[in-house]
Structure formats: C-alpha cells, structure tokens
Amino acid sequence: MRRKKLPSRKSLIRKLDKISSEIARGATIRVFGNCPFCRSAPIQGAFHWITRSKHSVRWEIENLIASCYGCNCTMEFNPHPFIQFFLDRWGRYSYDALIRKSNKIAHFSRSDLIEKLENMTANKMSLLNDLVVLLGYTPKTNRIDPGEGDKP
C-alpha cells in the first residue's frame, strides 16, 4: 500500500496565508467597512504590520489587518503613516511587544505547519471574532497582550 504523500512546506504556507487573509479581511470589513487607512477603497487583501518574512508573527492575529492594494503597496515604501495608525490606536507598548515577538527566531517544520493549519481551520470563526475585538479596541488602555514577563 502506498504511503499518503505529505503536503509540501510551500503549499502549507500558502494555505496558512490564505486562511489568515480570510480572517483579516472578514474582521476588518466588520470593524471598518472599507480600507482602514484611506477609508474609501474596498478591502482587497491582508496587511501585516510586521513583514511576512518574520514567521514568528506571520499568522498571528495581532499582526493582521486588511487594506486596499494601494495602501498595502504604499506601506512597502512609506511605512510611517501606517505605524503611526498602529501607535495611535493601540499604543507604543503594544507595538514594541509585537516587535519583540517578531524578533524571536521561528522555523516551523512541516508537522508544525500542518498543526498550525489544522488549528487555524478549526478555530477560524473564533480567531475572526478575536481579531474583530482587537481591531475594535481604540483606547490605548486596551493593548495587545505582550506575553509573559513583559511589563508596561
């Protein structure tokens, strides 16, 4: 009998990107309607505060929001207004916590990616609702949880 072929890392990453994009777009549409940055264009894709190359936060909900393609492209060349949006909405402490989390080295094995995909798929609605709550919080007192050992 033939062994079932495991999916490649590339296909798992693609699937994780797709589901995290769906979560980000769904939550951002619920909270903002249109692009949260330009306020006029429709939401078209996921937007990461910290680059997708940082796998430690690539699929974390606190690193996700959605935007129009124009704003997403602008972020690549002029991130300052977008970082300011984050700081105005959630504060410096939350931004620094996200940066610290992103600086942790993460290399996911194929089995880690499979587990993460299964978890995100099973908890998609819960993650979407968590992101809606996170995006809906505007006072700086409602900050992203920085994790254990971090103090404000």
N, C-alpha and C. Protein backbone atom coordinates (compact mmCIF):
# COMPACT_ATOMS: atom_id res chain seq x y z
N MET A 1 0.83 -1.17 0.00
CA MET A 1 0.00 0.00 0.00
C MET A 1 0.89 1.25 0.00
N ARG A 2 0.48 2.23 -0.77
CA ARG A 2 1.25 3.47 -0.88
C ARG A 2 1.02 4.36 0.34
N ARG A 3 2.12 5.00 0.75
CA ARG A 3 2.02 5.96 1.82
C ARG A 3 1.41 7.25 1.29
N LYS A 4 0.59 7.89 2.13
CA LYS A 4 0.00 9.16 1.73
C LYS A 4 1.09 10.24 1.72
N LYS A 5 1.17 10.96 0.64
CA LYS A 5 2.19 12.00 0.48
C LYS A 5 1.81 13.22 1.32
N LEU A 6 2.77 13.69 2.10
CA LEU A 6 2.54 14.88 2.91
C LEU A 6 2.60 16.13 2.03
N PRO A 7 1.82 17.14 2.37
CA PRO A 7 1.89 18.38 1.58
C PRO A 7 3.25 19.06 1.77
N SER A 8 3.66 19.80 0.78
CA SER A 8 4.95 20.49 0.84
C SER A 8 4.85 21.69 1.79
N ARG A 9 6.01 22.14 2.27
CA ARG A 9 6.04 23.35 3.11
C ARG A 9 5.42 24.53 2.37
N LYS A 10 5.77 24.64 1.10
CA LYS A 10 5.27 25.75 0.29
C LYS A 10 3.74 25.76 0.23
N SER A 11 3.13 24.60 0.02
CA SER A 11 1.67 24.55 -0.06
C SER A 11 1.04 24.81 1.30
N LEU A 12 1.68 24.36 2.38
CA LEU A 12 1.15 24.62 3.72
C LEU A 12 1.21 26.11 4.04
N ILE A 13 2.32 26.75 3.69
CA ILE A 13 2.45 28.19 3.92
C ILE A 13 1.41 28.95 3.10
N ARG A 14 1.20 28.53 1.87
CA ARG A 14 0.19 29.16 1.02
C ARG A 14 -1.21 29.04 1.65
N LYS A 15 -1.52 27.86 2.19
CA LYS A 15 -2.83 27.65 2.82
C LYS A 15 -2.97 28.47 4.10
N LEU A 16 -1.89 28.55 4.88
CA LEU A 16 -1.93 29.38 6.09
C LEU A 16 -2.10 30.85 5.74
N ASP A 17 -1.41 31.31 4.70
CA ASP A 17 -1.56 32.70 4.24
C ASP A 17 -3.01 32.96 3.81
N LYS A 18 -3.60 32.00 3.12
CA LYS A 18 -4.97 32.17 2.63
C LYS A 18 -5.95 32.28 3.78
N ILE A 19 -5.85 31.39 4.76
CA ILE A 19 -6.80 31.42 5.87
C ILE A 19 -6.59 32.65 6.75
N SER A 20 -5.34 33.07 6.95
CA SER A 20 -5.10 34.28 7.75
C SER A 20 -5.59 35.52 7.00
N SER A 21 -5.49 35.51 5.69
CA SER A 21 -6.02 36.62 4.88
C SER A 21 -7.55 36.68 4.99
N GLU A 22 -8.20 35.52 4.95
CA GLU A 22 -9.66 35.48 5.09
C GLU A 22 -10.08 36.02 6.45
N ILE A 23 -9.36 35.65 7.49
CA ILE A 23 -9.66 36.13 8.83
C ILE A 23 -9.47 37.64 8.90
N ALA A 24 -8.35 38.13 8.38
CA ALA A 24 -8.06 39.57 8.42
C ALA A 24 -9.09 40.37 7.63
N ARG A 25 -9.42 39.89 6.44
CA ARG A 25 -10.41 40.62 5.62
C ARG A 25 -11.78 40.62 6.27
N GLY A 26 -12.20 39.48 6.79
CA GLY A 26 -13.51 39.40 7.44
C GLY A 26 -13.62 40.31 8.64
N ALA A 27 -12.61 40.31 9.49
CA ALA A 27 -12.63 41.13 10.69
C ALA A 27 -12.55 42.62 10.35
N THR A 28 -11.69 42.98 9.41
CA THR A 28 -11.53 44.39 9.05
C THR A 28 -12.79 44.95 8.40
N ILE A 29 -13.44 44.15 7.58
CA ILE A 29 -14.71 44.59 6.97
C ILE A 29 -15.75 44.83 8.05
N ARG A 30 -15.82 43.93 9.04
CA ARG A 30 -16.79 44.10 10.13
C ARG A 30 -16.55 45.38 10.92
N VAL A 31 -15.29 45.69 11.18
CA VAL A 31 -14.97 46.82 12.03
C VAL A 31 -14.94 48.15 11.26
N PHE A 32 -14.33 48.16 10.07
CA PHE A 32 -14.11 49.42 9.36
C PHE A 32 -14.97 49.58 8.10
N GLY A 33 -15.41 48.50 7.50
CA GLY A 33 -16.15 48.58 6.24
C GLY A 33 -15.22 48.65 5.05
N ASN A 34 -14.56 49.77 4.88
CA ASN A 34 -13.58 49.95 3.80
C ASN A 34 -12.18 49.90 4.38
N CYS A 35 -11.21 50.20 3.55
CA CYS A 35 -9.81 50.22 3.98
C CYS A 35 -9.67 51.14 5.20
N PRO A 36 -9.09 50.64 6.29
CA PRO A 36 -8.98 51.47 7.49
C PRO A 36 -8.02 52.65 7.36
N PHE A 37 -7.19 52.63 6.32
CA PHE A 37 -6.18 53.68 6.17
C PHE A 37 -6.68 54.82 5.28
N CYS A 38 -7.12 54.51 4.06
CA CYS A 38 -7.60 55.57 3.16
C CYS A 38 -9.10 55.82 3.34
N ARG A 39 -9.80 54.90 3.98
CA ARG A 39 -11.23 55.00 4.30
C ARG A 39 -12.16 55.02 3.09
N SER A 40 -11.64 54.83 1.88
CA SER A 40 -12.52 54.90 0.72
C SER A 40 -12.50 53.64 -0.15
N ALA A 41 -11.34 53.05 -0.32
CA ALA A 41 -11.23 51.89 -1.21
C ALA A 41 -11.71 50.62 -0.51
N PRO A 42 -12.25 49.69 -1.28
CA PRO A 42 -12.67 48.43 -0.66
C PRO A 42 -11.47 47.59 -0.22
N ILE A 43 -11.69 46.77 0.78
CA ILE A 43 -10.64 45.90 1.29
C ILE A 43 -10.37 44.81 0.27
N GLN A 44 -9.08 44.58 -0.01
CA GLN A 44 -8.71 43.61 -1.03
C GLN A 44 -7.75 42.53 -0.56
N GLY A 45 -7.01 42.77 0.50
CA GLY A 45 -6.05 41.76 0.92
C GLY A 45 -5.55 41.98 2.33
N ALA A 46 -4.83 41.00 2.84
CA ALA A 46 -4.28 41.09 4.19
C ALA A 46 -3.12 42.07 4.23
N PHE A 47 -2.95 42.67 5.36
CA PHE A 47 -1.91 43.66 5.61
C PHE A 47 -1.22 43.22 6.88
N HIS A 48 0.09 43.13 6.84
CA HIS A 48 0.86 42.72 8.02
C HIS A 48 1.62 43.92 8.57
N TRP A 49 1.49 44.17 9.86
CA TRP A 49 2.24 45.26 10.47
C TRP A 49 3.74 44.95 10.41
N ILE A 50 4.08 43.70 10.69
CA ILE A 50 5.46 43.23 10.61
C ILE A 50 5.56 42.33 9.39
N THR A 51 6.60 42.46 8.62
CA THR A 51 6.76 41.74 7.37
C THR A 51 6.47 40.23 7.49
N ARG A 52 5.95 39.67 6.42
CA ARG A 52 5.63 38.24 6.39
C ARG A 52 6.88 37.37 6.49
N SER A 53 8.04 37.93 6.25
CA SER A 53 9.27 37.13 6.35
C SER A 53 9.59 36.76 7.80
N LYS A 54 8.98 37.44 8.74
CA LYS A 54 9.14 37.11 10.17
C LYS A 54 8.09 36.06 10.52
N HIS A 55 8.45 34.80 10.36
CA HIS A 55 7.49 33.71 10.54
C HIS A 55 6.94 33.61 11.96
N SER A 56 7.65 34.16 12.93
CA SER A 56 7.16 34.08 14.32
C SER A 56 5.85 34.84 14.50
N VAL A 57 5.55 35.83 13.64
CA VAL A 57 4.29 36.58 13.75
C VAL A 57 3.49 36.59 12.44
N ARG A 58 3.94 35.87 11.45
CA ARG A 58 3.30 35.91 10.13
C ARG A 58 1.81 35.61 10.18
N TRP A 59 1.40 34.64 11.00
CA TRP A 59 -0.01 34.24 11.04
C TRP A 59 -0.67 34.59 12.37
N GLU A 60 -0.06 35.46 13.15
CA GLU A 60 -0.64 35.89 14.42
C GLU A 60 -1.66 36.99 14.19
N ILE A 61 -2.80 36.92 14.88
CA ILE A 61 -3.86 37.89 14.60
C ILE A 61 -3.47 39.31 14.95
N GLU A 62 -2.60 39.49 15.95
CA GLU A 62 -2.22 40.86 16.29
C GLU A 62 -1.32 41.50 15.23
N ASN A 63 -0.85 40.72 14.28
CA ASN A 63 -0.03 41.25 13.19
C ASN A 63 -0.86 41.45 11.92
N LEU A 64 -2.16 41.22 11.99
CA LEU A 64 -3.00 41.27 10.80
C LEU A 64 -4.04 42.36 10.85
N ILE A 65 -4.29 42.91 9.70
CA ILE A 65 -5.41 43.79 9.42
C ILE A 65 -5.56 43.65 7.90
N ALA A 66 -6.56 44.20 7.31
CA ALA A 66 -6.70 44.14 5.86
C ALA A 66 -6.75 45.56 5.31
N SER A 67 -6.44 45.70 4.04
CA SER A 67 -6.42 47.02 3.42
C SER A 67 -6.68 46.89 1.93
N CYS A 68 -6.75 48.03 1.26
CA CYS A 68 -6.82 48.03 -0.20
C CYS A 68 -5.40 47.78 -0.72
N TYR A 69 -5.29 47.41 -1.98
CA TYR A 69 -3.97 47.15 -2.54
C TYR A 69 -3.10 48.41 -2.58
N GLY A 70 -3.73 49.56 -2.78
CA GLY A 70 -2.96 50.80 -2.83
C GLY A 70 -2.24 51.09 -1.52
N CYS A 71 -2.97 50.95 -0.41
CA CYS A 71 -2.35 51.20 0.90
C CYS A 71 -1.33 50.12 1.23
N ASN A 72 -1.61 48.88 0.85
CA ASN A 72 -0.67 47.80 1.12
C ASN A 72 0.64 48.04 0.36
N CYS A 73 0.54 48.51 -0.86
CA CYS A 73 1.73 48.81 -1.67
C CYS A 73 2.48 50.01 -1.09
N THR A 74 1.74 51.02 -0.67
CA THR A 74 2.35 52.21 -0.09
C THR A 74 3.15 51.86 1.17
N MET A 75 2.62 50.92 1.97
CA MET A 75 3.30 50.50 3.20
C MET A 75 4.73 50.04 2.92
N GLU A 76 4.94 49.40 1.77
CA GLU A 76 6.27 48.89 1.44
C GLU A 76 7.31 50.02 1.32
N PHE A 77 6.88 51.17 0.85
CA PHE A 77 7.81 52.26 0.57
C PHE A 77 7.73 53.41 1.57
N ASN A 78 6.62 53.50 2.29
CA ASN A 78 6.45 54.57 3.27
C ASN A 78 5.64 54.04 4.45
N PRO A 79 6.28 53.28 5.34
CA PRO A 79 5.53 52.64 6.43
C PRO A 79 5.13 53.59 7.56
N HIS A 80 5.68 54.79 7.61
CA HIS A 80 5.50 55.67 8.75
C HIS A 80 4.04 56.02 9.07
N PRO A 81 3.19 56.37 8.09
CA PRO A 81 1.80 56.67 8.44
C PRO A 81 1.05 55.45 8.99
N PHE A 82 1.43 54.27 8.54
CA PHE A 82 0.76 53.05 8.97
C PHE A 82 1.19 52.67 10.38
N ILE A 83 2.49 52.86 10.66
CA ILE A 83 2.97 52.62 12.02
C ILE A 83 2.32 53.62 12.97
N GLN A 84 2.16 54.85 12.52
CA GLN A 84 1.51 55.86 13.35
C GLN A 84 0.05 55.49 13.62
N PHE A 85 -0.63 54.93 12.62
CA PHE A 85 -2.00 54.44 12.80
C PHE A 85 -2.02 53.41 13.93
N PHE A 86 -1.08 52.46 13.89
CA PHE A 86 -1.00 51.43 14.93
C PHE A 86 -0.75 52.08 16.29
N LEU A 87 0.22 52.99 16.36
CA LEU A 87 0.55 53.64 17.63
C LEU A 87 -0.62 54.45 18.18
N ASP A 88 -1.31 55.17 17.32
CA ASP A 88 -2.46 55.95 17.76
C ASP A 88 -3.59 55.07 18.29
N ARG A 89 -3.72 53.91 17.68
CA ARG A 89 -4.84 53.02 18.02
C ARG A 89 -4.53 52.13 19.23
N TRP A 90 -3.32 51.58 19.31
CA TRP A 90 -3.01 50.60 20.35
C TRP A 90 -1.84 50.98 21.24
N GLY A 91 -1.09 51.98 20.88
CA GLY A 91 -0.02 52.47 21.75
C GLY A 91 1.35 51.86 21.49
N ARG A 92 2.34 52.54 22.01
CA ARG A 92 3.74 52.16 21.82
C ARG A 92 4.07 50.81 22.46
N TYR A 93 3.51 50.59 23.62
CA TYR A 93 3.79 49.34 24.33
C TYR A 93 3.36 48.12 23.50
N SER A 94 2.20 48.19 22.88
CA SER A 94 1.71 47.09 22.05
C SER A 94 2.58 46.91 20.82
N TYR A 95 3.02 48.01 20.23
CA TYR A 95 3.89 47.93 19.06
C TYR A 95 5.24 47.30 19.42
N ASP A 96 5.80 47.74 20.53
CA ASP A 96 7.08 47.18 20.98
C ASP A 96 6.95 45.69 21.30
N ALA A 97 5.82 45.30 21.88
CA ALA A 97 5.59 43.87 22.19
C ALA A 97 5.53 43.05 20.91
N LEU A 98 4.89 43.60 19.88
CA LEU A 98 4.81 42.90 18.59
C LEU A 98 6.20 42.80 17.95
N ILE A 99 6.98 43.85 18.05
CA ILE A 99 8.36 43.84 17.53
C ILE A 99 9.18 42.77 18.26
N ARG A 100 9.08 42.75 19.60
CA ARG A 100 9.84 41.74 20.36
C ARG A 100 9.43 40.33 19.96
N LYS A 101 8.14 40.12 19.79
CA LYS A 101 7.65 38.80 19.40
C LYS A 101 8.17 38.44 18.00
N SER A 102 8.23 39.42 17.11
CA SER A 102 8.68 39.16 15.74
C SER A 102 10.17 38.86 15.67
N ASN A 103 10.93 39.30 16.65
CA ASN A 103 12.37 39.10 16.63
C ASN A 103 12.79 37.73 17.16
N LYS A 104 11.82 36.95 17.61
CA LYS A 104 12.13 35.59 18.03
C LYS A 104 12.27 34.73 16.78
N ILE A 105 13.30 33.95 16.74
CA ILE A 105 13.54 33.09 15.58
C ILE A 105 12.54 31.95 15.58
N ALA A 106 11.91 31.75 14.45
CA ALA A 106 10.92 30.68 14.33
C ALA A 106 11.15 29.95 13.01
N HIS A 107 11.37 28.67 13.12
CA HIS A 107 11.43 27.83 11.94
C HIS A 107 10.44 26.71 12.16
N PHE A 108 9.39 26.71 11.36
CA PHE A 108 8.34 25.72 11.52
C PHE A 108 8.63 24.51 10.64
N SER A 109 8.60 23.34 11.26
CA SER A 109 8.74 22.11 10.48
C SER A 109 7.42 21.87 9.74
N ARG A 110 7.44 20.92 8.85
CA ARG A 110 6.23 20.60 8.11
C ARG A 110 5.11 20.16 9.07
N SER A 111 5.45 19.38 10.07
CA SER A 111 4.43 18.95 11.04
C SER A 111 3.91 20.13 11.86
N ASP A 112 4.78 21.11 12.18
CA ASP A 112 4.33 22.32 12.88
C ASP A 112 3.33 23.09 12.02
N LEU A 113 3.64 23.21 10.73
CA LEU A 113 2.75 23.93 9.82
C LEU A 113 1.41 23.21 9.66
N ILE A 114 1.44 21.89 9.59
CA ILE A 114 0.20 21.11 9.50
C ILE A 114 -0.65 21.34 10.74
N GLU A 115 -0.01 21.29 11.90
CA GLU A 115 -0.73 21.52 13.16
C GLU A 115 -1.31 22.93 13.22
N LYS A 116 -0.52 23.92 12.82
CA LYS A 116 -0.99 25.30 12.83
C LYS A 116 -2.16 25.49 11.86
N LEU A 117 -2.09 24.87 10.69
CA LEU A 117 -3.17 24.95 9.72
C LEU A 117 -4.44 24.29 10.26
N GLU A 118 -4.30 23.13 10.85
CA GLU A 118 -5.46 22.44 11.43
C GLU A 118 -6.08 23.29 12.54
N ASN A 119 -5.25 23.89 13.37
CA ASN A 119 -5.72 24.74 14.46
C ASN A 119 -6.44 25.97 13.93
N MET A 120 -5.85 26.64 12.95
CA MET A 120 -6.48 27.84 12.38
C MET A 120 -7.78 27.50 11.67
N THR A 121 -7.81 26.37 10.98
CA THR A 121 -9.02 25.96 10.27
C THR A 121 -10.13 25.64 11.27
N ALA A 122 -9.80 24.91 12.32
CA ALA A 122 -10.79 24.52 13.32
C ALA A 122 -11.30 25.72 14.11
N ASN A 123 -10.46 26.72 14.30
CA ASN A 123 -10.82 27.88 15.13
C ASN A 123 -10.98 29.16 14.32
N LYS A 124 -11.29 29.04 13.06
CA LYS A 124 -11.35 30.21 12.17
C LYS A 124 -12.32 31.27 12.68
N MET A 125 -13.54 30.87 13.04
CA MET A 125 -14.53 31.86 13.49
C MET A 125 -14.11 32.49 14.82
N SER A 126 -13.53 31.71 15.69
CA SER A 126 -13.06 32.23 16.97
C SER A 126 -11.94 33.24 16.74
N LEU A 127 -11.00 32.91 15.85
CA LEU A 127 -9.91 33.83 15.53
C LEU A 127 -10.44 35.10 14.88
N LEU A 128 -11.42 34.96 14.00
CA LEU A 128 -12.02 36.13 13.35
C LEU A 128 -12.66 37.03 14.40
N ASN A 129 -13.42 36.43 15.33
CA ASN A 129 -14.06 37.22 16.38
C ASN A 129 -13.04 37.87 17.30
N ASP A 130 -11.95 37.16 17.60
CA ASP A 130 -10.88 37.74 18.42
C ASP A 130 -10.27 38.94 17.72
N LEU A 131 -10.07 38.85 16.41
CA LEU A 131 -9.50 39.97 15.66
C LEU A 131 -10.48 41.13 15.58
N VAL A 132 -11.77 40.84 15.46
CA VAL A 132 -12.78 41.90 15.47
C VAL A 132 -12.69 42.67 16.78
N VAL A 133 -12.60 41.96 17.89
CA VAL A 133 -12.48 42.60 19.20
C VAL A 133 -11.19 43.42 19.26
N LEU A 134 -10.09 42.84 18.81
CA LEU A 134 -8.81 43.54 18.83
C LEU A 134 -8.85 44.81 17.98
N LEU A 135 -9.40 44.71 16.77
CA LEU A 135 -9.47 45.88 15.89
C LEU A 135 -10.45 46.91 16.41
N GLY A 136 -11.46 46.45 17.12
CA GLY A 136 -12.46 47.36 17.65
C GLY A 136 -11.99 48.15 18.85
N TYR A 137 -10.93 47.69 19.50
CA TYR A 137 -10.41 48.40 20.66
C TYR A 137 -9.64 49.62 20.20
N THR A 138 -10.08 50.80 20.61
CA THR A 138 -9.37 52.01 20.23
C THR A 138 -8.62 52.66 21.38
N PRO A 139 -9.13 52.60 22.61
CA PRO A 139 -8.37 53.27 23.67
C PRO A 139 -7.01 52.60 23.87
N LYS A 140 -6.00 53.38 24.15
CA LYS A 140 -4.66 52.83 24.33
C LYS A 140 -4.56 51.95 25.57
N THR A 141 -5.56 52.00 26.44
CA THR A 141 -5.54 51.15 27.63
C THR A 141 -5.85 49.70 27.27
N ASN A 142 -6.46 49.46 26.13
CA ASN A 142 -6.78 48.10 25.68
C ASN A 142 -5.71 47.65 24.71
N ARG A 143 -4.58 47.26 25.24
CA ARG A 143 -3.42 46.94 24.41
C ARG A 143 -3.35 45.46 24.11
N ILE A 144 -2.59 45.16 23.09
CA ILE A 144 -2.32 43.77 22.74
C ILE A 144 -1.52 43.16 23.89
N ASP A 145 -1.88 41.95 24.27
CA ASP A 145 -1.17 41.26 25.34
C ASP A 145 0.26 40.97 24.89
N PRO A 146 1.26 41.53 25.57
CA PRO A 146 2.64 41.35 25.13
C PRO A 146 3.24 40.00 25.49
N GLY A 147 2.60 39.26 26.33
CA GLY A 147 3.13 37.95 26.71
C GLY A 147 3.71 37.98 28.11
N GLU A 148 4.20 36.83 28.52
CA GLU A 148 4.68 36.70 29.89
C GLU A 148 5.97 37.47 30.10
N GLY A 149 6.10 38.03 31.26
CA GLY A 149 7.35 38.67 31.63
C GLY A 149 7.50 40.11 31.16
N ASP A 150 6.62 40.59 30.30
CA ASP A 150 6.71 41.96 29.81
C ASP A 150 5.92 42.87 30.72
N LYS A 151 6.46 44.04 30.99
CA LYS A 151 5.77 45.00 31.85
C LYS A 151 5.55 46.28 31.09
N PRO A 152 4.43 46.96 31.34
CA PRO A 152 4.17 48.23 30.64
C PRO A 152 5.15 49.31 31.02
